[in-house]
Amino acid sequence: GGPIHLAVVMLSVRFPATPLLGATAGVYRLGLRRGAGEREAWVGDVAQGGAVLKVPATTGERFLARDVATGHVLLDFTTSEAEAQAVSIAPADVTATLDF
């Protein structure tokens, strides 16, 4: 593949209702830098079953969603080159199997 071209994308974060997670998640932008110097920048909160949080971003940006009450990471997502991207916050599946 060639170089990644930075493009403006629209990220939509949904939080479907679930009794397994807290009521609200905070969404944070980590940016393009990797490593210990990364800083999380809060971009907004999304409530369970509530409105979709729309975040303008650029290709290759990394976002985290954290449970506001516990700080646990619920979602770790890096944007692709697609113009519109949608992610959903969901409980981790504890019965998941990994195929290598």
PDB file of N, CA and C in Angstrom:
ATOM      1  N   GLY A   1       0.816  -1.204   0.000  1.00  0.00           N
ATOM      2  CA  GLY A   1       0.000   0.000   0.000  1.00  0.00           C
ATOM      3  C   GLY A   1       0.845   1.246   0.000  1.00  0.00           C
ATOM      4  N   GLY A   2       0.241   2.294  -0.480  1.00  0.00           N
ATOM      5  CA  GLY A   2       0.931   3.576  -0.531  1.00  0.00           C
ATOM      6  C   GLY A   2       0.770   4.340   0.768  1.00  0.00           C
ATOM      7  N   PRO A   3       1.168   5.593   0.755  1.00  0.00           N
ATOM      8  CA  PRO A   3       1.034   6.414   1.973  1.00  0.00           C
ATOM      9  C   PRO A   3      -0.436   6.646   2.310  1.00  0.00           C
ATOM     10  N   ILE A   4      -0.701   6.797   3.595  1.00  0.00           N
ATOM     11  CA  ILE A   4      -2.057   7.120   4.024  1.00  0.00           C
ATOM     12  C   ILE A   4      -2.274   8.611   3.801  1.00  0.00           C
ATOM     13  N   HIS A   5      -3.325   8.947   3.086  1.00  0.00           N
ATOM     14  CA  HIS A   5      -3.650  10.349   2.860  1.00  0.00           C
ATOM     15  C   HIS A   5      -4.608  10.793   3.955  1.00  0.00           C
ATOM     16  N   LEU A   6      -4.252  11.864   4.646  1.00  0.00           N
ATOM     17  CA  LEU A   6      -5.117  12.359   5.707  1.00  0.00           C
ATOM     18  C   LEU A   6      -6.378  12.930   5.084  1.00  0.00           C
ATOM     19  N   ALA A   7      -7.496  12.423   5.522  1.00  0.00           N
ATOM     20  CA  ALA A   7      -8.782  12.872   5.001  1.00  0.00           C
ATOM     21  C   ALA A   7      -9.691  13.153   6.184  1.00  0.00           C
ATOM     22  N   VAL A   8     -10.601  14.090   5.987  1.00  0.00           N
ATOM     23  CA  VAL A   8     -11.570  14.374   7.036  1.00  0.00           C
ATOM     24  C   VAL A   8     -12.651  13.298   6.986  1.00  0.00           C
ATOM     25  N   VAL A   9     -12.924  12.696   8.130  1.00  0.00           N
ATOM     26  CA  VAL A   9     -13.947  11.651   8.220  1.00  0.00           C
ATOM     27  C   VAL A   9     -14.921  12.032   9.333  1.00  0.00           C
ATOM     28  N   MET A  10     -16.095  11.427   9.317  1.00  0.00           N
ATOM     29  CA  MET A  10     -17.071  11.660  10.377  1.00  0.00           C
ATOM     30  C   MET A  10     -17.270  10.353  11.133  1.00  0.00           C
ATOM     31  N   LEU A  11     -16.942  10.380  12.401  1.00  0.00           N
ATOM     32  CA  LEU A  11     -17.075   9.206  13.255  1.00  0.00           C
ATOM     33  C   LEU A  11     -18.354   9.339  14.076  1.00  0.00           C
ATOM     34  N   SER A  12     -19.206   8.321  14.012  1.00  0.00           N
ATOM     35  CA  SER A  12     -20.440   8.291  14.798  1.00  0.00           C
ATOM     36  C   SER A  12     -20.307   7.214  15.866  1.00  0.00           C
ATOM     37  N   VAL A  13     -20.465   7.611  17.128  1.00  0.00           N
ATOM     38  CA  VAL A  13     -20.323   6.670  18.239  1.00  0.00           C
ATOM     39  C   VAL A  13     -21.699   6.429  18.845  1.00  0.00           C
ATOM     40  N   ARG A  14     -22.125   5.160  18.840  1.00  0.00           N
ATOM     41  CA  ARG A  14     -23.412   4.783  19.416  1.00  0.00           C
ATOM     42  C   ARG A  14     -23.175   3.987  20.692  1.00  0.00           C
ATOM     43  N   PHE A  15     -24.136   4.059  21.612  1.00  0.00           N
ATOM     44  CA  PHE A  15     -24.048   3.304  22.860  1.00  0.00           C
ATOM     45  C   PHE A  15     -25.409   2.654  23.106  1.00  0.00           C
ATOM     46  N   PRO A  16     -25.656   1.486  22.458  1.00  0.00           N
ATOM     47  CA  PRO A  16     -26.933   0.805  22.663  1.00  0.00           C
ATOM     48  C   PRO A  16     -27.123   0.442  24.133  1.00  0.00           C
ATOM     49  N   ALA A  17     -28.360   0.449  24.583  1.00  0.00           N
ATOM     50  CA  ALA A  17     -28.657   0.169  25.986  1.00  0.00           C
ATOM     51  C   ALA A  17     -28.238  -1.256  26.356  1.00  0.00           C
ATOM     52  N   THR A  18     -27.592  -1.390  27.500  1.00  0.00           N
ATOM     53  CA  THR A  18     -27.184  -2.697  28.027  1.00  0.00           C
ATOM     54  C   THR A  18     -27.096  -2.597  29.546  1.00  0.00           C
ATOM     55  N   PRO A  19     -27.580  -3.618  30.267  1.00  0.00           N
ATOM     56  CA  PRO A  19     -27.459  -3.586  31.732  1.00  0.00           C
ATOM     57  C   PRO A  19     -26.042  -3.906  32.204  1.00  0.00           C
ATOM     58  N   LEU A  20     -25.153  -4.282  31.281  1.00  0.00           N
ATOM     59  CA  LEU A  20     -23.821  -4.735  31.672  1.00  0.00           C
ATOM     60  C   LEU A  20     -22.795  -3.618  31.802  1.00  0.00           C
ATOM     61  N   LEU A  21     -23.157  -2.410  31.378  1.00  0.00           N
ATOM     62  CA  LEU A  21     -22.216  -1.295  31.436  1.00  0.00           C
ATOM     63  C   LEU A  21     -22.851  -0.099  32.129  1.00  0.00           C
ATOM     64  N   GLY A  22     -22.001   0.858  32.515  1.00  0.00           N
ATOM     65  CA  GLY A  22     -22.483   2.079  33.141  1.00  0.00           C
ATOM     66  C   GLY A  22     -23.311   2.918  32.181  1.00  0.00           C
ATOM     67  N   ALA A  23     -23.968   3.931  32.714  1.00  0.00           N
ATOM     68  CA  ALA A  23     -24.942   4.711  31.946  1.00  0.00           C
ATOM     69  C   ALA A  23     -24.307   5.601  30.883  1.00  0.00           C
ATOM     70  N   THR A  24     -23.063   6.021  31.102  1.00  0.00           N
ATOM     71  CA  THR A  24     -22.441   7.011  30.227  1.00  0.00           C
ATOM     72  C   THR A  24     -21.000   6.617  29.914  1.00  0.00           C
ATOM     73  N   ALA A  25     -20.596   6.885  28.687  1.00  0.00           N
ATOM     74  CA  ALA A  25     -19.205   6.676  28.287  1.00  0.00           C
ATOM     75  C   ALA A  25     -18.631   7.991  27.802  1.00  0.00           C
ATOM     76  N   GLY A  26     -17.409   8.262  28.181  1.00  0.00           N
ATOM     77  CA  GLY A  26     -16.688   9.423  27.674  1.00  0.00           C
ATOM     78  C   GLY A  26     -15.837   9.006  26.488  1.00  0.00           C
ATOM     79  N   VAL A  27     -15.833   9.816  25.439  1.00  0.00           N
ATOM     80  CA  VAL A  27     -15.049   9.517  24.249  1.00  0.00           C
ATOM     81  C   VAL A  27     -13.846  10.458  24.215  1.00  0.00           C
ATOM     82  N   TYR A  28     -12.677   9.877  23.982  1.00  0.00           N
ATOM     83  CA  TYR A  28     -11.422  10.623  24.012  1.00  0.00           C
ATOM     84  C   TYR A  28     -10.651  10.406  22.720  1.00  0.00           C
ATOM     85  N   ARG A  29     -10.028  11.475  22.247  1.00  0.00           N
ATOM     86  CA  ARG A  29      -9.179  11.434  21.054  1.00  0.00           C
ATOM     87  C   ARG A  29      -7.735  11.273  21.516  1.00  0.00           C
ATOM     88  N   LEU A  30      -7.039  10.279  20.953  1.00  0.00           N
ATOM     89  CA  LEU A  30      -5.623  10.116  21.253  1.00  0.00           C
ATOM     90  C   LEU A  30      -4.752  10.734  20.186  1.00  0.00           C
ATOM     91  N   GLY A  31      -5.288  10.924  18.991  1.00  0.00           N
ATOM     92  CA  GLY A  31      -4.513  11.571  17.946  1.00  0.00           C
ATOM     93  C   GLY A  31      -3.676  10.587  17.153  1.00  0.00           C
ATOM     94  N   LEU A  32      -2.683  11.101  16.461  1.00  0.00           N
ATOM     95  CA  LEU A  32      -1.902  10.304  15.522  1.00  0.00           C
ATOM     96  C   LEU A  32      -0.607   9.792  16.138  1.00  0.00           C
ATOM     97  N   ARG A  33      -0.163  10.388  17.233  1.00  0.00           N
ATOM     98  CA  ARG A  33       1.107   9.968  17.820  1.00  0.00           C
ATOM     99  C   ARG A  33       0.925   8.672  18.595  1.00  0.00           C
ATOM    100  N   ARG A  34       1.925   7.833  18.534  1.00  0.00           N
ATOM    101  CA  ARG A  34       1.905   6.594  19.288  1.00  0.00           C
ATOM    102  C   ARG A  34       2.954   6.669  20.396  1.00  0.00           C
ATOM    103  N   GLY A  35       2.713   5.953  21.470  1.00  0.00           N
ATOM    104  CA  GLY A  35       3.727   5.868  22.504  1.00  0.00           C
ATOM    105  C   GLY A  35       3.312   6.537  23.793  1.00  0.00           C
ATOM    106  N   ALA A  36       4.260   6.621  24.712  1.00  0.00           N
ATOM    107  CA  ALA A  36       3.982   7.071  26.071  1.00  0.00           C
ATOM    108  C   ALA A  36       3.541   8.527  26.127  1.00  0.00           C
ATOM    109  N   GLY A  37       3.857   9.295  25.088  1.00  0.00           N
ATOM    110  CA  GLY A  37       3.510  10.714  25.103  1.00  0.00           C
ATOM    111  C   GLY A  37       2.076  11.013  24.703  1.00  0.00           C
ATOM    112  N   GLU A  38       1.300   9.967  24.418  1.00  0.00           N
ATOM    113  CA  GLU A  38      -0.072  10.201  23.979  1.00  0.00           C
ATOM    114  C   GLU A  38      -0.889  10.864  25.081  1.00  0.00           C
ATOM    115  N   ARG A  39      -1.661  11.849  24.698  1.00  0.00           N
ATOM    116  CA  ARG A  39      -2.562  12.504  25.642  1.00  0.00           C
ATOM    117  C   ARG A  39      -3.984  12.278  25.185  1.00  0.00           C
ATOM    118  N   GLU A  40      -4.844  11.964  26.134  1.00  0.00           N
ATOM    119  CA  GLU A  40      -6.257  11.791  25.813  1.00  0.00           C
ATOM    120  C   GLU A  40      -6.949  13.146  25.885  1.00  0.00           C
ATOM    121  N   ALA A  41      -7.684  13.482  24.845  1.00  0.00           N
ATOM    122  CA  ALA A  41      -8.457  14.725  24.824  1.00  0.00           C
ATOM    123  C   ALA A  41      -9.936  14.363  24.751  1.00  0.00           C
ATOM    124  N   TRP A  42     -10.699  14.785  25.743  1.00  0.00           N
ATOM    125  CA  TRP A  42     -12.130  14.473  25.803  1.00  0.00           C
ATOM    126  C   TRP A  42     -12.838  15.164  24.650  1.00  0.00           C
ATOM    127  N   VAL A  43     -13.678  14.404  23.935  1.00  0.00           N
ATOM    128  CA  VAL A  43     -14.438  15.011  22.840  1.00  0.00           C
ATOM    129  C   VAL A  43     -15.932  15.002  23.098  1.00  0.00           C
ATOM    130  N   GLY A  44     -16.393  14.204  24.063  1.00  0.00           N
ATOM    131  CA  GLY A  44     -17.814  14.214  24.376  1.00  0.00           C
ATOM    132  C   GLY A  44     -18.232  12.957  25.117  1.00  0.00           C
ATOM    133  N   ASP A  45     -19.432  13.008  25.659  1.00  0.00           N
ATOM    134  CA  ASP A  45     -20.008  11.853  26.345  1.00  0.00           C
ATOM    135  C   ASP A  45     -21.144  11.297  25.502  1.00  0.00           C
ATOM    136  N   VAL A  46     -21.362  10.001  25.612  1.00  0.00           N
ATOM    137  CA  VAL A  46     -22.478   9.354  24.932  1.00  0.00           C
ATOM    138  C   VAL A  46     -23.213   8.514  25.972  1.00  0.00           C
ATOM    139  N   ALA A  47     -24.534   8.689  26.031  1.00  0.00           N
ATOM    140  CA  ALA A  47     -25.347   7.988  27.021  1.00  0.00           C
ATOM    141  C   ALA A  47     -25.934   6.726  26.424  1.00  0.00           C
ATOM    142  N   GLN A  48     -26.090   5.712  27.266  1.00  0.00           N
ATOM    143  CA  GLN A  48     -26.730   4.477  26.814  1.00  0.00           C
ATOM    144  C   GLN A  48     -28.091   4.775  26.215  1.00  0.00           C
ATOM    145  N   GLY A  49     -28.337   4.259  25.022  1.00  0.00           N
ATOM    146  CA  GLY A  49     -29.622   4.446  24.374  1.00  0.00           C
ATOM    147  C   GLY A  49     -29.895   5.870  23.948  1.00  0.00           C
ATOM    148  N   GLY A  50     -28.892   6.731  24.063  1.00  0.00           N
ATOM    149  CA  GLY A  50     -29.083   8.147  23.765  1.00  0.00           C
ATOM    150  C   GLY A  50     -28.668   8.506  22.359  1.00  0.00           C
ATOM    151  N   ALA A  51     -28.501   9.784  22.139  1.00  0.00           N
ATOM    152  CA  ALA A  51     -28.156  10.296  20.818  1.00  0.00           C
ATOM    153  C   ALA A  51     -26.763   9.843  20.410  1.00  0.00           C
ATOM    154  N   VAL A  52     -26.562   9.718  19.112  1.00  0.00           N
ATOM    155  CA  VAL A  52     -25.260   9.370  18.554  1.00  0.00           C
ATOM    156  C   VAL A  52     -24.323  10.569  18.713  1.00  0.00           C
ATOM    157  N   LEU A  53     -23.086  10.301  19.143  1.00  0.00           N
ATOM    158  CA  LEU A  53     -22.071  11.349  19.228  1.00  0.00           C
ATOM    159  C   LEU A  53     -21.322  11.376  17.899  1.00  0.00           C
ATOM    160  N   LYS A  54     -21.352  12.533  17.232  1.00  0.00           N
ATOM    161  CA  LYS A  54     -20.652  12.668  15.953  1.00  0.00           C
ATOM    162  C   LYS A  54     -19.371  13.460  16.177  1.00  0.00           C
ATOM    163  N   VAL A  55     -18.263  12.887  15.703  1.00  0.00           N
ATOM    164  CA  VAL A  55     -16.950  13.481  15.937  1.00  0.00           C
ATOM    165  C   VAL A  55     -16.219  13.640  14.604  1.00  0.00           C
ATOM    166  N   PRO A  56     -15.918  14.879  14.185  1.00  0.00           N
ATOM    167  CA  PRO A  56     -15.073  15.045  13.001  1.00  0.00           C
ATOM    168  C   PRO A  56     -13.662  14.570  13.344  1.00  0.00           C
ATOM    169  N   ALA A  57     -13.054  13.839  12.436  1.00  0.00           N
ATOM    170  CA  ALA A  57     -11.731  13.278  12.703  1.00  0.00           C
ATOM    171  C   ALA A  57     -10.946  13.236  11.407  1.00  0.00           C
ATOM    172  N   THR A  58      -9.714  12.764  11.493  1.00  0.00           N
ATOM    173  CA  THR A  58      -8.919  12.532  10.298  1.00  0.00           C
ATOM    174  C   THR A  58      -8.495  11.069  10.265  1.00  0.00           C
ATOM    175  N   THR A  59      -8.137  10.611   9.098  1.00  0.00           N
ATOM    176  CA  THR A  59      -7.706   9.235   8.909  1.00  0.00           C
ATOM    177  C   THR A  59      -6.574   8.890   9.870  1.00  0.00           C
ATOM    178  N   GLY A  60      -6.685   7.739  10.532  1.00  0.00           N
ATOM    179  CA  GLY A  60      -5.612   7.259  11.392  1.00  0.00           C
ATOM    180  C   GLY A  60      -5.646   7.768  12.813  1.00  0.00           C
ATOM    181  N   GLU A  61      -6.668   8.543  13.164  1.00  0.00           N
ATOM    182  CA  GLU A  61      -6.774   8.991  14.557  1.00  0.00           C
ATOM    183  C   GLU A  61      -7.315   7.865  15.421  1.00  0.00           C
ATOM    184  N   ARG A  62      -6.848   7.813  16.653  1.00  0.00           N
ATOM    185  CA  ARG A  62      -7.283   6.770  17.577  1.00  0.00           C
ATOM    186  C   ARG A  62      -8.179   7.384  18.642  1.00  0.00           C
ATOM    187  N   PHE A  63      -9.254   6.671  18.943  1.00  0.00           N
ATOM    188  CA  PHE A  63     -10.223   7.113  19.943  1.00  0.00           C
ATOM    189  C   PHE A  63     -10.431   6.016  20.973  1.00  0.00           C
ATOM    190  N   LEU A  64     -10.670   6.428  22.199  1.00  0.00           N
ATOM    191  CA  LEU A  64     -11.053   5.506  23.265  1.00  0.00           C
ATOM    192  C   LEU A  64     -12.403   5.940  23.804  1.00  0.00           C
ATOM    193  N   ALA A  65     -13.217   4.969  24.202  1.00  0.00           N
ATOM    194  CA  ALA A  65     -14.429   5.259  24.970  1.00  0.00           C
ATOM    195  C   ALA A  65     -14.228   4.622  26.333  1.00  0.00           C
ATOM    196  N   ARG A  66     -14.455   5.402  27.383  1.00  0.00           N
ATOM    197  CA  ARG A  66     -14.277   4.927  28.754  1.00  0.00           C
ATOM    198  C   ARG A  66     -15.581   5.045  29.523  1.00  0.00           C
ATOM    199  N   ASP A  67     -15.832   4.057  30.375  1.00  0.00           N
ATOM    200  CA  ASP A  67     -16.959   4.136  31.305  1.00  0.00           C
ATOM    201  C   ASP A  67     -16.699   5.318  32.233  1.00  0.00           C
ATOM    202  N   VAL A  68     -17.636   6.266  32.284  1.00  0.00           N
ATOM    203  CA  VAL A  68     -17.425   7.475  33.084  1.00  0.00           C
ATOM    204  C   VAL A  68     -17.259   7.129  34.562  1.00  0.00           C
ATOM    205  N   ALA A  69     -17.985   6.116  35.036  1.00  0.00           N
ATOM    206  CA  ALA A  69     -17.947   5.767  36.460  1.00  0.00           C
ATOM    207  C   ALA A  69     -16.673   5.027  36.853  1.00  0.00           C
ATOM    208  N   THR A  70     -16.201   4.122  35.996  1.00  0.00           N
ATOM    209  CA  THR A  70     -15.072   3.264  36.375  1.00  0.00           C
ATOM    210  C   THR A  70     -13.766   3.598  35.674  1.00  0.00           C
ATOM    211  N   GLY A  71     -13.844   4.291  34.545  1.00  0.00           N
ATOM    212  CA  GLY A  71     -12.641   4.572  33.772  1.00  0.00           C
ATOM    213  C   GLY A  71     -12.205   3.428  32.876  1.00  0.00           C
ATOM    214  N   HIS A  72     -12.926   2.303  32.907  1.00  0.00           N
ATOM    215  CA  HIS A  72     -12.550   1.161  32.067  1.00  0.00           C
ATOM    216  C   HIS A  72     -12.713   1.500  30.591  1.00  0.00           C
ATOM    217  N   VAL A  73     -11.773   1.043  29.777  1.00  0.00           N
ATOM    218  CA  VAL A  73     -11.860   1.255  28.332  1.00  0.00           C
ATOM    219  C   VAL A  73     -12.912   0.310  27.756  1.00  0.00           C
ATOM    220  N   LEU A  74     -13.905   0.875  27.077  1.00  0.00           N
ATOM    221  CA  LEU A  74     -14.986   0.096  26.475  1.00  0.00           C
ATOM    222  C   LEU A  74     -14.787  -0.081  24.974  1.00  0.00           C
ATOM    223  N   LEU A  75     -14.023   0.824  24.373  1.00  0.00           N
ATOM    224  CA  LEU A  75     -13.829   0.795  22.926  1.00  0.00           C
ATOM    225  C   LEU A  75     -12.495   1.444  22.607  1.00  0.00           C
ATOM    226  N   ASP A  76     -11.738   0.836  21.704  1.00  0.00           N
ATOM    227  CA  ASP A  76     -10.463   1.378  21.239  1.00  0.00           C
ATOM    228  C   ASP A  76     -10.529   1.286  19.719  1.00  0.00           C
ATOM    229  N   PHE A  77     -10.572   2.436  19.059  1.00  0.00           N
ATOM    230  CA  PHE A  77     -10.880   2.463  17.624  1.00  0.00           C
ATOM    231  C   PHE A  77      -9.963   3.435  16.904  1.00  0.00           C
ATOM    232  N   THR A  78      -9.460   3.019  15.750  1.00  0.00           N
ATOM    233  CA  THR A  78      -8.656   3.890  14.900  1.00  0.00           C
ATOM    234  C   THR A  78      -9.408   4.111  13.588  1.00  0.00           C
ATOM    235  N   THR A  79      -9.526   5.362  13.187  1.00  0.00           N
ATOM    236  CA  THR A  79     -10.289   5.677  11.982  1.00  0.00           C
ATOM    237  C   THR A  79      -9.563   5.186  10.728  1.00  0.00           C
ATOM    238  N   SER A  80     -10.359   4.784   9.739  1.00  0.00           N
ATOM    239  CA  SER A  80      -9.838   4.371   8.438  1.00  0.00           C
ATOM    240  C   SER A  80     -10.023   5.524   7.464  1.00  0.00           C
ATOM    241  N   GLU A  81      -9.898   5.232   6.166  1.00  0.00           N
ATOM    242  CA  GLU A  81     -10.060   6.288   5.171  1.00  0.00           C
ATOM    243  C   GLU A  81     -11.509   6.489   4.743  1.00  0.00           C
ATOM    244  N   ALA A  82     -12.436   5.669   5.262  1.00  0.00           N
ATOM    245  CA  ALA A  82     -13.846   5.822   4.886  1.00  0.00           C
ATOM    246  C   ALA A  82     -14.376   7.170   5.358  1.00  0.00           C
ATOM    247  N   GLU A  83     -15.202   7.818   4.531  1.00  0.00           N
ATOM    248  CA  GLU A  83     -15.707   9.158   4.867  1.00  0.00           C
ATOM    249  C   GLU A  83     -16.604   9.155   6.090  1.00  0.00           C
ATOM    250  N   ALA A  84     -17.428   8.112   6.225  1.00  0.00           N
ATOM    251  CA  ALA A  84     -18.342   8.018   7.359  1.00  0.00           C
ATOM    252  C   ALA A  84     -18.101   6.681   8.056  1.00  0.00           C
ATOM    253  N   GLN A  85     -17.890   6.729   9.360  1.00  0.00           N
ATOM    254  CA  GLN A  85     -17.606   5.523  10.124  1.00  0.00           C
ATOM    255  C   GLN A  85     -18.477   5.502  11.367  1.00  0.00           C
ATOM    256  N   ALA A  86     -19.028   4.339  11.676  1.00  0.00           N
ATOM    257  CA  ALA A  86     -19.893   4.205  12.845  1.00  0.00           C
ATOM    258  C   ALA A  86     -19.366   3.068  13.714  1.00  0.00           C
ATOM    259  N   VAL A  87     -19.286   3.330  15.010  1.00  0.00           N
ATOM    260  CA  VAL A  87     -18.874   2.310  15.966  1.00  0.00           C
ATOM    261  C   VAL A  87     -19.906   2.260  17.078  1.00  0.00           C
ATOM    262  N   SER A  88     -20.027   1.090  17.682  1.00  0.00           N
ATOM    263  CA  SER A  88     -20.948   0.922  18.805  1.00  0.00           C
ATOM    264  C   SER A  88     -20.174   0.455  20.022  1.00  0.00           C
ATOM    265  N   ILE A  89     -20.519   1.018  21.165  1.00  0.00           N
ATOM    266  CA  ILE A  89     -19.940   0.590  22.436  1.00  0.00           C
ATOM    267  C   ILE A  89     -20.770  -0.584  22.927  1.00  0.00           C
ATOM    268  N   ALA A  90     -20.108  -1.692  23.227  1.00  0.00           N
ATOM    269  CA  ALA A  90     -20.814  -2.886  23.664  1.00  0.00           C
ATOM    270  C   ALA A  90     -19.970  -3.600  24.711  1.00  0.00           C
ATOM    271  N   PRO A  91     -20.610  -4.410  25.558  1.00  0.00           N
ATOM    272  CA  PRO A  91     -19.831  -5.165  26.541  1.00  0.00           C
ATOM    273  C   PRO A  91     -18.874  -6.122  25.841  1.00  0.00           C
ATOM    274  N   ALA A  92     -17.717  -6.337  26.446  1.00  0.00           N
ATOM    275  CA  ALA A  92     -16.790  -7.328  25.916  1.00  0.00           C
ATOM    276  C   ALA A  92     -17.431  -8.699  26.051  1.00  0.00           C
ATOM    277  N   ASP A  93     -17.258  -9.519  25.037  1.00  0.00           N
ATOM    278  CA  ASP A  93     -17.812 -10.867  25.063  1.00  0.00           C
ATOM    279  C   ASP A  93     -16.830 -11.778  25.788  1.00  0.00           C
ATOM    280  N   VAL A  94     -17.176 -12.166  27.011  1.00  0.00           N
ATOM    281  CA  VAL A  94     -16.235 -12.944  27.825  1.00  0.00           C
ATOM    282  C   VAL A  94     -16.059 -14.367  27.311  1.00  0.00           C
ATOM    283  N   THR A  95     -16.904 -14.798  26.385  1.00  0.00           N
ATOM    284  CA  THR A  95     -16.767 -16.149  25.843  1.00  0.00           C
ATOM    285  C   THR A  95     -16.092 -16.140  24.474  1.00  0.00           C
ATOM    286  N   ALA A  96     -15.509 -15.014  24.092  1.00  0.00           N
ATOM    287  CA  ALA A  96     -14.885 -14.903  22.772  1.00  0.00           C
ATOM    288  C   ALA A  96     -13.702 -15.856  22.661  1.00  0.00           C
ATOM    289  N   THR A  97     -13.510 -16.400  21.478  1.00  0.00           N
ATOM    290  CA  THR A  97     -12.324 -17.204  21.201  1.00  0.00           C
ATOM    291  C   THR A  97     -11.510 -16.479  20.155  1.00  0.00           C
ATOM    292  N   LEU A  98     -10.209 -16.574  20.265  1.00  0.00           N
ATOM    293  CA  LEU A  98      -9.319 -15.914  19.316  1.00  0.00           C
ATOM    294  C   LEU A  98      -8.739 -16.949  18.380  1.00  0.00           C
ATOM    295  N   ASP A  99      -8.849 -16.706  17.088  1.00  0.00           N
ATOM    296  CA  ASP A  99      -8.274 -17.615  16.093  1.00  0.00           C
ATOM    297  C   ASP A  99      -6.990 -16.981  15.572  1.00  0.00           C
ATOM    298  N   PHE A 100      -5.903 -17.719  15.659  1.00  0.00           N
ATOM    299  CA  PHE A 100      -4.622 -17.197  15.192  1.00  0.00           C
ATOM    300  C   PHE A 100      -4.256 -17.822  13.868  1.00  0.00           C
TER     301      PHE A 100
END
